[in-house]
Amino acid sequence: MMSAAPNQHFLARGAPGALGRLCTAVRVMGVGQGSGSSAVRTERLMIRPLREMDAREFVRAVGSSRAHLERFMPLHIPGEDDAALFARQLRQCEAGDATGRDWRRGVFDSDGRMVGGVNLNDVRRGLENRAELTIWIAAESAGRGYGREALAATIGVAFAPEAGYDGVGRGASGGLGLDRISALVSHDNEACVRLLSRLGFNRSAGAKGVEITIGDRRVAHDEYRLWARVGVLEAKPLGAFPASVGESYRRIEQVERRAEHRRF
């Protein structure tokens, strides 16, 4: 279920490097209950849930990019064609919004052409709210900065407080209220590593590498993390958070860092 919330904004403030330049005045077109903003508009992109009407455009974008994507992020499961992939992605998008466990969005340009997709998967809530980030960009749209623009907007939604809660029990912003987002990147995906680094991600020190099956290969991946101690103050709604909110995120980070030292 969606509740209209036009003319809300997320604003990057004091953000370092590329994130500060890219996360500026991202307009939220609608807010889903407990699932973050429904659609996010940037200067060149619309980031929104998939719809039935997107089937043809999705198949076109994916069909022309299969070889391009297979090296680092194959989207298909064995025996799945492009149409079946779209049907599965649509179901996952709808289920993620219904349960609040995933935030899955298509990325479209100003002409309505699909340029890729971005996801915040496996949203977990507790002492620390976190999710895993994935993104893909169609072959024909690569090299135009769409990945940076889409990721910057997604970071804004991830770290902004949830609708109806701004950390002190008042206000509404329509974010996911996360404390940390992470991404798994293969060792040889140098372009992705550079992009994440520019947006403030750091390789998780001491974390064991993860092997992921890509096609018929087992590929080693590293985990990269971005913390709300950076992002939440960059992607907040217009108007400053109370000082207590920033302090609460700093305390969460300190708890996590102490836990990491004990773990490793």
C-alpha atoms as a PDB file:
ATOM      1  CA  MET A   1       0.000   0.000   0.000  1.00  0.00           C
ATOM      2  CA  MET A   2       1.243   3.470  -0.882  1.00  0.00           C
ATOM      3  CA  SER A   3       0.419   6.799   0.650  1.00  0.00           C
ATOM      4  CA  ALA A   4       1.055   9.844  -1.497  1.00  0.00           C
ATOM      5  CA  ALA A   5       3.721  12.154  -0.167  1.00  0.00           C
ATOM      6  CA  PRO A   6       4.719  14.553  -2.928  1.00  0.00           C
ATOM      7  CA  ASN A   7       7.353  17.264  -2.651  1.00  0.00           C
ATOM      8  CA  GLN A   8       9.479  15.583  -0.005  1.00  0.00           C
ATOM      9  CA  HIS A   9      13.220  15.904  -0.517  1.00  0.00           C
ATOM     10  CA  PHE A  10      16.441  14.344   0.635  1.00  0.00           C
ATOM     11  CA  LEU A  11      19.418  16.679   0.690  1.00  0.00           C
ATOM     12  CA  ALA A  12      23.125  15.876   0.818  1.00  0.00           C
ATOM     13  CA  ARG A  13      24.897  18.055   3.356  1.00  0.00           C
ATOM     14  CA  GLY A  14      28.607  17.998   4.038  1.00  0.00           C
ATOM     15  CA  ALA A  15      29.062  14.850   1.977  1.00  0.00           C
ATOM     16  CA  PRO A  16      32.619  14.072   0.879  1.00  0.00           C
ATOM     17  CA  GLY A  17      33.670  13.648  -2.730  1.00  0.00           C
ATOM     18  CA  ALA A  18      31.331  12.199  -5.323  1.00  0.00           C
ATOM     19  CA  LEU A  19      28.528  11.459  -2.867  1.00  0.00           C
ATOM     20  CA  GLY A  20      28.288  15.108  -1.900  1.00  0.00           C
ATOM     21  CA  ARG A  21      28.033  16.159  -5.535  1.00  0.00           C
ATOM     22  CA  LEU A  22      25.548  13.476  -6.536  1.00  0.00           C
ATOM     23  CA  CYS A  23      23.160  13.217  -3.556  1.00  0.00           C
ATOM     24  CA  THR A  24      21.642  16.639  -4.020  1.00  0.00           C
ATOM     25  CA  ALA A  25      17.911  17.389  -3.880  1.00  0.00           C
ATOM     26  CA  VAL A  26      16.557  13.902  -4.577  1.00  0.00           C
ATOM     27  CA  ARG A  27      12.770  14.200  -4.792  1.00  0.00           C
ATOM     28  CA  VAL A  28      10.611  11.461  -3.303  1.00  0.00           C
ATOM     29  CA  MET A  29       7.423  11.005  -5.328  1.00  0.00           C
ATOM     30  CA  GLY A  30       5.642   8.662  -2.916  1.00  0.00           C
ATOM     31  CA  VAL A  31       6.277   6.867   0.341  1.00  0.00           C
ATOM     32  CA  GLY A  32       5.502   3.227   1.046  1.00  0.00           C
ATOM     33  CA  GLN A  33       4.633   2.171   4.557  1.00  0.00           C
ATOM     34  CA  GLY A  34       7.747   0.652   6.081  1.00  0.00           C
ATOM     35  CA  SER A  35       9.416   0.060   2.727  1.00  0.00           C
ATOM     36  CA  GLY A  36      11.091   3.358   1.905  1.00  0.00           C
ATOM     37  CA  SER A  37      10.176   5.743  -0.849  1.00  0.00           C
ATOM     38  CA  SER A  38       8.156   4.348  -3.742  1.00  0.00           C
ATOM     39  CA  ALA A  39       9.851   6.375  -6.477  1.00  0.00           C
ATOM     40  CA  VAL A  40      12.930   8.557  -6.403  1.00  0.00           C
ATOM     41  CA  ARG A  41      13.721  11.146  -9.063  1.00  0.00           C
ATOM     42  CA  THR A  42      17.245  12.407  -9.691  1.00  0.00           C
ATOM     43  CA  GLU A  43      18.458  14.868 -12.296  1.00  0.00           C
ATOM     44  CA  ARG A  44      18.362  12.257 -15.062  1.00  0.00           C
ATOM     45  CA  LEU A  45      16.755   9.141 -13.617  1.00  0.00           C
ATOM     46  CA  MET A  46      13.538   7.739 -12.196  1.00  0.00           C
ATOM     47  CA  ILE A  47      14.118   4.927  -9.699  1.00  0.00           C
ATOM     48  CA  ARG A  48      10.860   3.100  -9.046  1.00  0.00           C
ATOM     49  CA  PRO A  49       9.242  -0.309  -8.499  1.00  0.00           C
ATOM     50  CA  LEU A  50       8.786  -2.547 -11.538  1.00  0.00           C
ATOM     51  CA  ARG A  51       5.312  -2.740 -13.099  1.00  0.00           C
ATOM     52  CA  GLU A  52       3.654  -5.181 -15.477  1.00  0.00           C
ATOM     53  CA  MET A  53       3.933  -2.575 -18.223  1.00  0.00           C
ATOM     54  CA  ASP A  54       7.756  -2.679 -17.940  1.00  0.00           C
ATOM     55  CA  ALA A  55       8.029  -6.217 -19.327  1.00  0.00           C
ATOM     56  CA  ARG A  56       8.985  -5.285 -22.898  1.00  0.00           C
ATOM     57  CA  GLU A  57      11.503  -2.622 -21.858  1.00  0.00           C
ATOM     58  CA  PHE A  58      13.037  -4.900 -19.235  1.00  0.00           C
ATOM     59  CA  VAL A  59      13.452  -7.730 -21.758  1.00  0.00           C
ATOM     60  CA  ARG A  60      15.047  -5.316 -24.239  1.00  0.00           C
ATOM     61  CA  ALA A  61      17.557  -3.954 -21.710  1.00  0.00           C
ATOM     62  CA  VAL A  62      18.470  -7.340 -20.277  1.00  0.00           C
ATOM     63  CA  GLY A  63      18.505  -9.143 -23.614  1.00  0.00           C
ATOM     64  CA  SER A  64      21.068  -6.733 -25.044  1.00  0.00           C
ATOM     65  CA  SER A  65      23.211  -6.900 -21.902  1.00  0.00           C
ATOM     66  CA  ARG A  66      23.395 -10.586 -21.038  1.00  0.00           C
ATOM     67  CA  ALA A  67      27.027 -11.063 -22.089  1.00  0.00           C
ATOM     68  CA  HIS A  68      27.928  -7.736 -20.450  1.00  0.00           C
ATOM     69  CA  LEU A  69      26.397  -8.794 -17.119  1.00  0.00           C
ATOM     70  CA  GLU A  70      27.432 -12.434 -16.964  1.00  0.00           C
ATOM     71  CA  ARG A  71      31.000 -11.709 -15.892  1.00  0.00           C
ATOM     72  CA  PHE A  72      30.112 -10.014 -12.616  1.00  0.00           C
ATOM     73  CA  MET A  73      26.347 -10.125 -12.046  1.00  0.00           C
ATOM     74  CA  PRO A  74      24.345 -12.677 -14.013  1.00  0.00           C
ATOM     75  CA  LEU A  75      20.644 -12.074 -13.410  1.00  0.00           C
ATOM     76  CA  HIS A  76      19.216 -15.325 -14.765  1.00  0.00           C
ATOM     77  CA  ILE A  77      18.919 -18.638 -12.978  1.00  0.00           C
ATOM     78  CA  PRO A  78      19.652 -21.778 -15.040  1.00  0.00           C
ATOM     79  CA  GLY A  79      17.071 -22.359 -17.769  1.00  0.00           C
ATOM     80  CA  GLU A  80      15.407 -18.965 -17.323  1.00  0.00           C
ATOM     81  CA  ASP A  81      14.666 -16.761 -20.332  1.00  0.00           C
ATOM     82  CA  ASP A  82      14.339 -12.978 -20.229  1.00  0.00           C
ATOM     83  CA  ALA A  83      10.542 -13.003 -19.870  1.00  0.00           C
ATOM     84  CA  ALA A  84      10.673 -15.448 -16.970  1.00  0.00           C
ATOM     85  CA  LEU A  85      13.395 -13.330 -15.362  1.00  0.00           C
ATOM     86  CA  PHE A  86      11.152 -10.272 -15.531  1.00  0.00           C
ATOM     87  CA  ALA A  87       8.233 -12.168 -13.967  1.00  0.00           C
ATOM     88  CA  ARG A  88      10.466 -13.305 -11.101  1.00  0.00           C
ATOM     89  CA  GLN A  89      11.939  -9.830 -10.587  1.00  0.00           C
ATOM     90  CA  LEU A  90       8.449  -8.314 -10.527  1.00  0.00           C
ATOM     91  CA  ARG A  91       7.309 -10.818  -7.891  1.00  0.00           C
ATOM     92  CA  GLN A  92      10.393 -10.127  -5.787  1.00  0.00           C
ATOM     93  CA  CYS A  93       9.854  -6.371  -6.029  1.00  0.00           C
ATOM     94  CA  GLU A  94       6.242  -6.665  -4.890  1.00  0.00           C
ATOM     95  CA  ALA A  95       7.093  -9.130  -2.109  1.00  0.00           C
ATOM     96  CA  GLY A  96       9.938  -6.929  -0.873  1.00  0.00           C
ATOM     97  CA  ASP A  97       7.667  -3.912  -0.540  1.00  0.00           C
ATOM     98  CA  ALA A  98       4.943  -5.980   1.128  1.00  0.00           C
ATOM     99  CA  THR A  99       7.256  -7.488   3.757  1.00  0.00           C
ATOM    100  CA  GLY A 100       9.817  -4.690   4.106  1.00  0.00           C
ATOM    101  CA  ARG A 101      12.607  -7.244   3.606  1.00  0.00           C
ATOM    102  CA  ASP A 102      13.826  -5.833   0.264  1.00  0.00           C
ATOM    103  CA  TRP A 103      13.824  -2.494  -1.604  1.00  0.00           C
ATOM    104  CA  ARG A 104      14.059  -3.452  -5.283  1.00  0.00           C
ATOM    105  CA  ARG A 105      13.807  -0.807  -8.007  1.00  0.00           C
ATOM    106  CA  GLY A 106      14.182  -0.375 -11.747  1.00  0.00           C
ATOM    107  CA  VAL A 107      16.232   2.552 -13.029  1.00  0.00           C
ATOM    108  CA  PHE A 108      14.806   4.491 -15.996  1.00  0.00           C
ATOM    109  CA  ASP A 109      16.025   7.534 -17.920  1.00  0.00           C
ATOM    110  CA  SER A 110      13.942  10.584 -18.775  1.00  0.00           C
ATOM    111  CA  ASP A 111      12.664   8.882 -21.949  1.00  0.00           C
ATOM    112  CA  GLY A 112      11.411   5.862 -20.024  1.00  0.00           C
ATOM    113  CA  ARG A 113      14.178   3.561 -21.233  1.00  0.00           C
ATOM    114  CA  MET A 114      15.383   1.092 -18.639  1.00  0.00           C
ATOM    115  CA  VAL A 115      19.055   1.609 -17.837  1.00  0.00           C
ATOM    116  CA  GLY A 116      19.412  -0.892 -14.992  1.00  0.00           C
ATOM    117  CA  GLY A 117      18.267  -1.918 -11.547  1.00  0.00           C
ATOM    118  CA  VAL A 118      19.274  -1.309  -7.940  1.00  0.00           C
ATOM    119  CA  ASN A 119      18.373  -3.276  -4.832  1.00  0.00           C
ATOM    120  CA  LEU A 120      18.714  -3.163  -1.070  1.00  0.00           C
ATOM    121  CA  ASN A 121      18.204  -6.818  -0.193  1.00  0.00           C
ATOM    122  CA  ASP A 122      17.823  -8.774   3.023  1.00  0.00           C
ATOM    123  CA  VAL A 123      16.904  -5.789   5.185  1.00  0.00           C
ATOM    124  CA  ARG A 124      17.542  -6.745   8.800  1.00  0.00           C
ATOM    125  CA  ARG A 125      16.380  -4.731  11.781  1.00  0.00           C
ATOM    126  CA  GLY A 126      17.488  -4.845  15.380  1.00  0.00           C
ATOM    127  CA  LEU A 127      20.281  -3.152  17.294  1.00  0.00           C
ATOM    128  CA  GLU A 128      21.688  -2.420  13.843  1.00  0.00           C
ATOM    129  CA  ASN A 129      19.528  -1.987  10.726  1.00  0.00           C
ATOM    130  CA  ARG A 130      21.354  -3.147   7.607  1.00  0.00           C
ATOM    131  CA  ALA A 131      20.927  -4.394   4.049  1.00  0.00           C
ATOM    132  CA  GLU A 132      22.956  -5.650   1.097  1.00  0.00           C
ATOM    133  CA  LEU A 133      23.312  -3.450  -1.989  1.00  0.00           C
ATOM    134  CA  THR A 134      23.318  -4.714  -5.586  1.00  0.00           C
ATOM    135  CA  ILE A 135      23.194  -2.820  -8.881  1.00  0.00           C
ATOM    136  CA  TRP A 136      23.314  -3.574 -12.592  1.00  0.00           C
ATOM    137  CA  ILE A 137      23.534  -1.225 -15.558  1.00  0.00           C
ATOM    138  CA  ALA A 138      22.585  -2.178 -19.114  1.00  0.00           C
ATOM    139  CA  ALA A 139      25.461  -2.428 -21.588  1.00  0.00           C
ATOM    140  CA  GLU A 140      24.194   0.417 -23.771  1.00  0.00           C
ATOM    141  CA  SER A 141      23.932   2.723 -20.736  1.00  0.00           C
ATOM    142  CA  ALA A 142      27.332   1.975 -19.217  1.00  0.00           C
ATOM    143  CA  GLY A 143      29.878   4.771 -18.951  1.00  0.00           C
ATOM    144  CA  ARG A 144      27.342   7.607 -18.569  1.00  0.00           C
ATOM    145  CA  GLY A 145      27.444   7.974 -14.788  1.00  0.00           C
ATOM    146  CA  TYR A 146      24.025   6.353 -14.292  1.00  0.00           C
ATOM    147  CA  GLY A 147      25.447   3.883 -11.781  1.00  0.00           C
ATOM    148  CA  ARG A 148      26.855   6.657  -9.590  1.00  0.00           C
ATOM    149  CA  GLU A 149      23.634   8.657  -9.801  1.00  0.00           C
ATOM    150  CA  ALA A 150      21.433   5.680  -8.954  1.00  0.00           C
ATOM    151  CA  LEU A 151      23.660   4.559  -6.081  1.00  0.00           C
ATOM    152  CA  ALA A 152      23.815   8.052  -4.595  1.00  0.00           C
ATOM    153  CA  ALA A 153      20.019   8.280  -4.571  1.00  0.00           C
ATOM    154  CA  THR A 154      19.718   4.773  -3.114  1.00  0.00           C
ATOM    155  CA  ILE A 155      22.135   5.666  -0.317  1.00  0.00           C
ATOM    156  CA  GLY A 156      19.938   8.675   0.434  1.00  0.00           C
ATOM    157  CA  VAL A 157      16.858   6.492   0.814  1.00  0.00           C
ATOM    158  CA  ALA A 158      18.749   3.831   2.790  1.00  0.00           C
ATOM    159  CA  PHE A 159      19.977   6.146   5.524  1.00  0.00           C
ATOM    160  CA  ALA A 160      17.059   8.556   5.843  1.00  0.00           C
ATOM    161  CA  PRO A 161      14.728   7.717   8.774  1.00  0.00           C
ATOM    162  CA  GLU A 162      11.621   5.659   8.186  1.00  0.00           C
ATOM    163  CA  ALA A 163       8.311   7.353   7.405  1.00  0.00           C
ATOM    164  CA  GLY A 164       6.732   8.724  10.554  1.00  0.00           C
ATOM    165  CA  TYR A 165       9.953   8.514  12.575  1.00  0.00           C
ATOM    166  CA  ASP A 166      12.962  10.830  12.567  1.00  0.00           C
ATOM    167  CA  GLY A 167      14.896   9.297  15.461  1.00  0.00           C
ATOM    168  CA  VAL A 168      13.102  11.261  18.173  1.00  0.00           C
ATOM    169  CA  GLY A 169       9.552  10.162  17.440  1.00  0.00           C
ATOM    170  CA  ARG A 170       8.238  12.824  15.115  1.00  0.00           C
ATOM    171  CA  GLY A 171       8.216  13.783  11.443  1.00  0.00           C
ATOM    172  CA  ALA A 172       8.094  11.674   8.301  1.00  0.00           C
ATOM    173  CA  SER A 173      10.812  11.225   5.708  1.00  0.00           C
ATOM    174  CA  GLY A 174      10.094   7.942   3.922  1.00  0.00           C
ATOM    175  CA  GLY A 175      13.590   6.416   4.119  1.00  0.00           C
ATOM    176  CA  LEU A 176      14.580   2.938   5.266  1.00  0.00           C
ATOM    177  CA  GLY A 177      16.310   4.039   8.461  1.00  0.00           C
ATOM    178  CA  LEU A 178      19.362   1.814   7.946  1.00  0.00           C
ATOM    179  CA  ASP A 179      22.597   2.055   9.913  1.00  0.00           C
ATOM    180  CA  ARG A 180      24.809   0.208   7.423  1.00  0.00           C
ATOM    181  CA  ILE A 181      24.744  -1.040   3.862  1.00  0.00           C
ATOM    182  CA  SER A 182      27.182  -3.526   2.384  1.00  0.00           C
ATOM    183  CA  ALA A 183      28.103  -4.790  -1.076  1.00  0.00           C
ATOM    184  CA  LEU A 184      29.929  -7.933  -2.199  1.00  0.00           C
ATOM    185  CA  VAL A 185      32.358  -7.241  -5.046  1.00  0.00           C
ATOM    186  CA  SER A 186      34.595  -9.706  -6.884  1.00  0.00           C
ATOM    187  CA  HIS A 187      38.319  -9.091  -6.658  1.00  0.00           C
ATOM    188  CA  ASP A 188      38.693  -8.257 -10.349  1.00  0.00           C
ATOM    189  CA  ASN A 189      35.723  -5.882 -10.610  1.00  0.00           C
ATOM    190  CA  GLU A 190      37.965  -2.828 -10.393  1.00  0.00           C
ATOM    191  CA  ALA A 191      35.407  -0.372 -11.800  1.00  0.00           C
ATOM    192  CA  CYS A 192      32.889  -1.276  -9.093  1.00  0.00           C
ATOM    193  CA  VAL A 193      35.528  -1.015  -6.365  1.00  0.00           C
ATOM    194  CA  ARG A 194      36.466   2.476  -7.580  1.00  0.00           C
ATOM    195  CA  LEU A 195      32.831   3.565  -7.685  1.00  0.00           C
ATOM    196  CA  LEU A 196      32.068   2.329  -4.180  1.00  0.00           C
ATOM    197  CA  SER A 197      35.228   3.945  -2.844  1.00  0.00           C
ATOM    198  CA  ARG A 198      34.221   7.301  -4.327  1.00  0.00           C
ATOM    199  CA  LEU A 199      30.859   7.016  -2.590  1.00  0.00           C
ATOM    200  CA  GLY A 200      32.459   6.392   0.802  1.00  0.00           C
ATOM    201  CA  PHE A 201      32.450   2.580   1.036  1.00  0.00           C
ATOM    202  CA  ASN A 202      35.391   0.836   2.675  1.00  0.00           C
ATOM    203  CA  ARG A 203      36.531  -2.760   2.387  1.00  0.00           C
ATOM    204  CA  SER A 204      35.561  -4.585   5.543  1.00  0.00           C
ATOM    205  CA  ALA A 205      38.779  -5.028   7.506  1.00  0.00           C
ATOM    206  CA  GLY A 206      39.255  -8.534   8.826  1.00  0.00           C
ATOM    207  CA  ALA A 207      36.143  -9.953   7.174  1.00  0.00           C
ATOM    208  CA  LYS A 208      36.595 -13.280   5.457  1.00  0.00           C
ATOM    209  CA  GLY A 209      36.125 -13.326   1.686  1.00  0.00           C
ATOM    210  CA  VAL A 210      32.955 -14.865   0.296  1.00  0.00           C
ATOM    211  CA  GLU A 211      32.777 -17.181  -2.689  1.00  0.00           C
ATOM    212  CA  ILE A 212      29.752 -16.764  -4.949  1.00  0.00           C
ATOM    213  CA  THR A 213      28.757 -19.000  -7.845  1.00  0.00           C
ATOM    214  CA  ILE A 214      28.764 -17.129 -11.156  1.00  0.00           C
ATOM    215  CA  GLY A 215      27.851 -19.437 -14.006  1.00  0.00           C
ATOM    216  CA  ASP A 216      29.996 -22.515 -13.494  1.00  0.00           C
ATOM    217  CA  ARG A 217      32.655 -20.680 -11.466  1.00  0.00           C
ATOM    218  CA  ARG A 218      33.188 -20.005  -7.779  1.00  0.00           C
ATOM    219  CA  VAL A 219      34.343 -16.383  -7.563  1.00  0.00           C
ATOM    220  CA  ALA A 220      35.917 -14.727  -4.507  1.00  0.00           C
ATOM    221  CA  HIS A 221      34.261 -11.508  -3.341  1.00  0.00           C
ATOM    222  CA  ASP A 222      35.147  -8.883  -0.736  1.00  0.00           C
ATOM    223  CA  GLU A 223      32.611  -7.055   1.419  1.00  0.00           C
ATOM    224  CA  TYR A 224      32.468  -3.254   1.236  1.00  0.00           C
ATOM    225  CA  ARG A 225      30.530  -1.251   3.825  1.00  0.00           C
ATOM    226  CA  LEU A 226      29.081   2.224   4.159  1.00  0.00           C
ATOM    227  CA  TRP A 227      27.993   3.456   7.567  1.00  0.00           C
ATOM    228  CA  ALA A 228      25.214   5.800   8.545  1.00  0.00           C
ATOM    229  CA  ARG A 229      27.752   7.868  10.500  1.00  0.00           C
ATOM    230  CA  VAL A 230      28.636   9.261   7.053  1.00  0.00           C
ATOM    231  CA  GLY A 231      25.458   8.738   5.080  1.00  0.00           C
ATOM    232  CA  VAL A 232      22.692   9.619   7.497  1.00  0.00           C
ATOM    233  CA  LEU A 233      23.944  13.188   7.822  1.00  0.00           C
ATOM    234  CA  GLU A 234      24.291  13.462   4.038  1.00  0.00           C
ATOM    235  CA  ALA A 235      20.904  12.124   2.992  1.00  0.00           C
ATOM    236  CA  LYS A 236      18.603  13.546   5.605  1.00  0.00           C
ATOM    237  CA  PRO A 237      15.314  15.349   4.913  1.00  0.00           C
ATOM    238  CA  LEU A 238      15.499  19.113   4.550  1.00  0.00           C
ATOM    239  CA  GLY A 239      16.221  20.596   7.974  1.00  0.00           C
ATOM    240  CA  ALA A 240      18.811  19.467  10.460  1.00  0.00           C
ATOM    241  CA  PHE A 241      18.506  16.392  12.653  1.00  0.00           C
ATOM    242  CA  PRO A 242      18.699  17.048  16.379  1.00  0.00           C
ATOM    243  CA  ALA A 243      22.228  16.521  17.672  1.00  0.00           C
ATOM    244  CA  SER A 244      21.009  13.493  19.625  1.00  0.00           C
ATOM    245  CA  VAL A 245      20.248  11.619  16.412  1.00  0.00           C
ATOM    246  CA  GLY A 246      23.762  11.954  15.042  1.00  0.00           C
ATOM    247  CA  GLU A 247      25.115  10.928  18.435  1.00  0.00           C
ATOM    248  CA  SER A 248      22.944   7.804  18.462  1.00  0.00           C
ATOM    249  CA  TYR A 249      24.417   6.708  15.141  1.00  0.00           C
ATOM    250  CA  ARG A 250      27.928   7.309  16.448  1.00  0.00           C
ATOM    251  CA  ARG A 251      27.169   5.080  19.434  1.00  0.00           C
ATOM    252  CA  ILE A 252      25.862   2.332  17.137  1.00  0.00           C
ATOM    253  CA  GLU A 253      29.054   2.507  15.114  1.00  0.00           C
ATOM    254  CA  GLN A 254      31.208   2.268  18.244  1.00  0.00           C
ATOM    255  CA  VAL A 255      29.281  -0.814  19.401  1.00  0.00           C
ATOM    256  CA  GLU A 256      29.745  -2.441  16.002  1.00  0.00           C
ATOM    257  CA  ARG A 257      33.456  -1.692  15.882  1.00  0.00           C
ATOM    258  CA  ARG A 258      33.977  -3.168  19.350  1.00  0.00           C
ATOM    259  CA  ALA A 259      32.051  -6.273  18.249  1.00  0.00           C
ATOM    260  CA  GLU A 260      34.240  -6.599  15.154  1.00  0.00           C
ATOM    261  CA  HIS A 261      37.403  -6.463  17.248  1.00  0.00           C
ATOM    262  CA  ARG A 262      36.059  -9.252  19.444  1.00  0.00           C
ATOM    263  CA  ARG A 263      34.927 -11.317  16.461  1.00  0.00           C
ATOM    264  CA  PHE A 264      38.160 -11.154  14.487  1.00  0.00           C
END
